[in-house]
Amino acid sequence: MTPEEAEQIDFRAVILVKSDTLALVGMATTPEGARVARFDPRAEPPVSLGPLEDPPKVAYAFRRSVQTSKTNGWTVIYDGPPIIG
């Protein structure tokens, strides 16, 4: 991937907490499509990666996943670009 291609990727990350458990829902959008990634330590396997799809469809799935988590008692502690460093 060239630096120019990397600049075309848009990331968003949501970190959630419930009791002593952290989870992550992330979304990456590129000119070729978008996908959602989830990390839930209670799941097997704990990491899941959605298929590369149309960005509006993925954005809807991302928002729905975060809202469902909040409805199920999770609290959002971070919502924004990935934290690096």
N, C-alpha and C. Protein backbone atom coordinates (compact mmCIF):
# COMPACT_ATOMS: atom_id res chain seq x y z
N MET A 1 0.84 -1.16 0.00
CA MET A 1 0.00 0.00 0.00
C MET A 1 0.90 1.24 0.00
N THR A 2 0.60 2.15 -0.88
CA THR A 2 1.38 3.38 -0.96
C THR A 2 0.87 4.38 0.09
N PRO A 3 1.67 5.39 0.42
CA PRO A 3 1.20 6.42 1.35
C PRO A 3 -0.07 7.12 0.86
N GLU A 4 -0.18 7.30 -0.46
CA GLU A 4 -1.38 7.94 -1.01
C GLU A 4 -2.62 7.06 -0.80
N GLU A 5 -2.46 5.76 -0.98
CA GLU A 5 -3.57 4.83 -0.75
C GLU A 5 -3.95 4.80 0.73
N ALA A 6 -2.97 4.84 1.60
CA ALA A 6 -3.24 4.82 3.04
C ALA A 6 -4.02 6.05 3.46
N GLU A 7 -3.77 7.18 2.82
CA GLU A 7 -4.50 8.41 3.16
C GLU A 7 -5.97 8.33 2.77
N GLN A 8 -6.34 7.43 1.88
CA GLN A 8 -7.72 7.29 1.43
C GLN A 8 -8.54 6.38 2.35
N ILE A 9 -7.92 5.82 3.37
CA ILE A 9 -8.63 4.94 4.30
C ILE A 9 -9.15 5.77 5.46
N ASP A 10 -10.44 5.61 5.75
CA ASP A 10 -11.06 6.31 6.86
C ASP A 10 -11.39 5.28 7.94
N PHE A 11 -10.94 5.53 9.16
CA PHE A 11 -11.15 4.61 10.28
C PHE A 11 -12.04 5.24 11.33
N ARG A 12 -12.80 4.41 12.02
CA ARG A 12 -13.55 4.83 13.21
C ARG A 12 -13.53 3.67 14.18
N ALA A 13 -13.33 3.98 15.45
CA ALA A 13 -13.28 2.94 16.48
C ALA A 13 -14.18 3.33 17.64
N VAL A 14 -14.88 2.36 18.19
CA VAL A 14 -15.69 2.55 19.39
C VAL A 14 -15.23 1.51 20.41
N ILE A 15 -14.82 1.99 21.57
CA ILE A 15 -14.44 1.11 22.67
C ILE A 15 -15.59 1.12 23.67
N LEU A 16 -15.99 -0.08 24.07
CA LEU A 16 -17.11 -0.24 24.99
C LEU A 16 -16.66 -0.98 26.24
N VAL A 17 -17.34 -0.73 27.34
CA VAL A 17 -17.03 -1.42 28.58
C VAL A 17 -18.33 -1.89 29.23
N LYS A 18 -18.25 -3.07 29.84
CA LYS A 18 -19.37 -3.63 30.62
C LYS A 18 -18.74 -4.46 31.72
N SER A 19 -19.00 -4.08 32.96
CA SER A 19 -18.34 -4.70 34.12
C SER A 19 -16.84 -4.55 33.95
N ASP A 20 -16.10 -5.65 33.92
CA ASP A 20 -14.64 -5.60 33.77
C ASP A 20 -14.21 -5.98 32.35
N THR A 21 -15.11 -5.88 31.38
CA THR A 21 -14.81 -6.35 30.03
C THR A 21 -14.79 -5.19 29.04
N LEU A 22 -13.78 -5.16 28.20
CA LEU A 22 -13.68 -4.19 27.12
C LEU A 22 -13.99 -4.88 25.80
N ALA A 23 -14.62 -4.14 24.90
CA ALA A 23 -14.89 -4.63 23.55
C ALA A 23 -14.61 -3.49 22.58
N LEU A 24 -14.42 -3.83 21.32
CA LEU A 24 -14.12 -2.85 20.29
C LEU A 24 -14.95 -3.14 19.06
N VAL A 25 -15.52 -2.09 18.48
CA VAL A 25 -16.16 -2.18 17.17
C VAL A 25 -15.46 -1.14 16.31
N GLY A 26 -14.93 -1.56 15.17
CA GLY A 26 -14.22 -0.65 14.28
C GLY A 26 -14.77 -0.72 12.88
N MET A 27 -14.59 0.38 12.15
CA MET A 27 -15.03 0.43 10.76
C MET A 27 -13.92 1.07 9.94
N ALA A 28 -13.61 0.47 8.80
CA ALA A 28 -12.63 1.02 7.87
C ALA A 28 -13.30 1.18 6.52
N THR A 29 -13.10 2.34 5.90
CA THR A 29 -13.67 2.63 4.59
C THR A 29 -12.54 2.98 3.64
N THR A 30 -12.54 2.34 2.47
CA THR A 30 -11.57 2.62 1.42
C THR A 30 -12.33 2.90 0.13
N PRO A 31 -11.65 3.34 -0.92
CA PRO A 31 -12.35 3.52 -2.19
C PRO A 31 -12.95 2.21 -2.73
N GLU A 32 -12.39 1.07 -2.34
CA GLU A 32 -12.91 -0.22 -2.81
C GLU A 32 -14.11 -0.72 -2.02
N GLY A 33 -14.34 -0.20 -0.82
CA GLY A 33 -15.45 -0.67 0.01
C GLY A 33 -15.15 -0.42 1.47
N ALA A 34 -15.95 -1.03 2.32
CA ALA A 34 -15.80 -0.83 3.77
C ALA A 34 -16.07 -2.15 4.47
N ARG A 35 -15.63 -2.22 5.74
CA ARG A 35 -15.92 -3.41 6.55
C ARG A 35 -15.91 -3.05 8.03
N VAL A 36 -16.58 -3.88 8.80
CA VAL A 36 -16.65 -3.73 10.25
C VAL A 36 -15.81 -4.84 10.87
N ALA A 37 -15.07 -4.49 11.91
CA ALA A 37 -14.31 -5.47 12.68
C ALA A 37 -14.77 -5.38 14.13
N ARG A 38 -14.85 -6.51 14.81
CA ARG A 38 -15.27 -6.54 16.21
C ARG A 38 -14.28 -7.36 17.02
N PHE A 39 -14.05 -6.88 18.24
CA PHE A 39 -13.29 -7.66 19.22
C PHE A 39 -14.17 -7.79 20.45
N ASP A 40 -14.54 -9.01 20.76
CA ASP A 40 -15.35 -9.32 21.94
C ASP A 40 -14.69 -10.51 22.61
N PRO A 41 -14.02 -10.30 23.75
CA PRO A 41 -13.28 -11.40 24.38
C PRO A 41 -14.17 -12.56 24.84
N ARG A 42 -15.48 -12.36 24.89
CA ARG A 42 -16.38 -13.44 25.30
C ARG A 42 -16.71 -14.37 24.14
N ALA A 43 -16.48 -13.91 22.91
CA ALA A 43 -16.85 -14.68 21.73
C ALA A 43 -15.73 -15.65 21.35
N GLU A 44 -16.07 -16.64 20.55
CA GLU A 44 -15.08 -17.60 20.06
C GLU A 44 -15.24 -17.70 18.54
N PRO A 45 -14.35 -17.21 17.74
CA PRO A 45 -13.14 -16.50 18.11
C PRO A 45 -13.46 -15.07 18.55
N PRO A 46 -12.58 -14.44 19.31
CA PRO A 46 -12.88 -13.11 19.84
C PRO A 46 -12.85 -11.99 18.80
N VAL A 47 -12.21 -12.24 17.66
CA VAL A 47 -12.13 -11.23 16.61
C VAL A 47 -12.95 -11.68 15.41
N SER A 48 -13.79 -10.77 14.89
CA SER A 48 -14.53 -11.07 13.68
C SER A 48 -14.37 -9.91 12.71
N LEU A 49 -14.31 -10.23 11.44
CA LEU A 49 -14.13 -9.24 10.39
C LEU A 49 -15.22 -9.43 9.36
N GLY A 50 -16.01 -8.39 9.15
CA GLY A 50 -17.10 -8.47 8.19
C GLY A 50 -16.57 -8.42 6.76
N PRO A 51 -17.43 -8.75 5.80
CA PRO A 51 -17.01 -8.74 4.40
C PRO A 51 -16.84 -7.31 3.88
N LEU A 52 -16.08 -7.16 2.82
CA LEU A 52 -15.90 -5.87 2.16
C LEU A 52 -17.18 -5.58 1.38
N GLU A 53 -17.86 -4.48 1.75
CA GLU A 53 -19.15 -4.17 1.15
C GLU A 53 -19.26 -2.68 0.84
N ASP A 54 -20.44 -2.30 0.38
CA ASP A 54 -20.75 -0.91 0.05
C ASP A 54 -20.68 -0.06 1.33
N PRO A 55 -19.94 1.07 1.33
CA PRO A 55 -19.77 1.87 2.55
C PRO A 55 -21.07 2.26 3.27
N PRO A 56 -22.14 2.71 2.60
CA PRO A 56 -23.35 3.04 3.37
C PRO A 56 -23.94 1.83 4.10
N LYS A 57 -23.88 0.66 3.49
CA LYS A 57 -24.38 -0.56 4.13
C LYS A 57 -23.55 -0.89 5.37
N VAL A 58 -22.24 -0.74 5.27
CA VAL A 58 -21.35 -1.03 6.39
C VAL A 58 -21.54 0.00 7.50
N ALA A 59 -21.70 1.27 7.13
CA ALA A 59 -21.93 2.31 8.14
C ALA A 59 -23.20 2.02 8.93
N TYR A 60 -24.24 1.55 8.25
CA TYR A 60 -25.48 1.19 8.94
C TYR A 60 -25.24 0.01 9.89
N ALA A 61 -24.51 -1.01 9.44
CA ALA A 61 -24.22 -2.17 10.29
C ALA A 61 -23.37 -1.76 11.49
N PHE A 62 -22.44 -0.84 11.29
CA PHE A 62 -21.60 -0.34 12.38
C PHE A 62 -22.45 0.37 13.43
N ARG A 63 -23.29 1.30 12.98
CA ARG A 63 -24.16 2.03 13.93
C ARG A 63 -25.10 1.08 14.65
N ARG A 64 -25.65 0.12 13.94
CA ARG A 64 -26.57 -0.86 14.54
C ARG A 64 -25.84 -1.70 15.59
N SER A 65 -24.60 -2.10 15.31
CA SER A 65 -23.83 -2.89 16.26
C SER A 65 -23.56 -2.11 17.54
N VAL A 66 -23.17 -0.85 17.40
CA VAL A 66 -22.91 -0.01 18.58
C VAL A 66 -24.20 0.20 19.37
N GLN A 67 -25.30 0.49 18.67
CA GLN A 67 -26.57 0.73 19.36
C GLN A 67 -27.05 -0.53 20.09
N THR A 68 -26.91 -1.69 19.46
CA THR A 68 -27.30 -2.94 20.10
C THR A 68 -26.47 -3.18 21.35
N SER A 69 -25.18 -2.90 21.27
CA SER A 69 -24.32 -3.06 22.44
C SER A 69 -24.77 -2.15 23.58
N LYS A 70 -25.08 -0.90 23.26
CA LYS A 70 -25.55 0.03 24.29
C LYS A 70 -26.87 -0.44 24.89
N THR A 71 -27.76 -0.95 24.06
CA THR A 71 -29.04 -1.48 24.56
C THR A 71 -28.81 -2.66 25.50
N ASN A 72 -27.74 -3.43 25.25
CA ASN A 72 -27.42 -4.60 26.06
C ASN A 72 -26.55 -4.27 27.27
N GLY A 73 -26.43 -2.99 27.61
CA GLY A 73 -25.75 -2.61 28.84
C GLY A 73 -24.31 -2.18 28.71
N TRP A 74 -23.78 -2.13 27.50
CA TRP A 74 -22.41 -1.67 27.30
C TRP A 74 -22.39 -0.15 27.32
N THR A 75 -21.28 0.43 27.78
CA THR A 75 -21.09 1.87 27.81
C THR A 75 -19.97 2.25 26.86
N VAL A 76 -20.21 3.24 26.00
CA VAL A 76 -19.18 3.72 25.09
C VAL A 76 -18.21 4.60 25.88
N ILE A 77 -16.92 4.25 25.85
CA ILE A 77 -15.92 5.07 26.53
C ILE A 77 -15.03 5.81 25.54
N TYR A 78 -15.09 5.45 24.25
CA TYR A 78 -14.35 6.15 23.22
C TYR A 78 -15.06 5.95 21.90
N ASP A 79 -15.16 7.03 21.12
CA ASP A 79 -15.75 6.97 19.78
C ASP A 79 -15.00 7.97 18.91
N GLY A 80 -14.17 7.48 18.00
CA GLY A 80 -13.42 8.37 17.14
C GLY A 80 -12.40 7.60 16.33
N PRO A 81 -11.36 8.31 15.85
CA PRO A 81 -10.33 7.61 15.09
C PRO A 81 -9.55 6.68 16.02
N PRO A 82 -8.94 5.63 15.46
CA PRO A 82 -8.14 4.73 16.30
C PRO A 82 -7.05 5.49 17.05
N ILE A 83 -6.81 5.08 18.26
CA ILE A 83 -5.77 5.69 19.09
C ILE A 83 -4.47 4.95 18.79
N ILE A 84 -3.48 5.69 18.37
CA ILE A 84 -2.20 5.09 18.01
C ILE A 84 -1.11 5.68 18.90
N GLY A 85 -0.34 4.80 19.51
CA GLY A 85 0.79 5.26 20.31
C GLY A 85 0.54 5.32 21.78
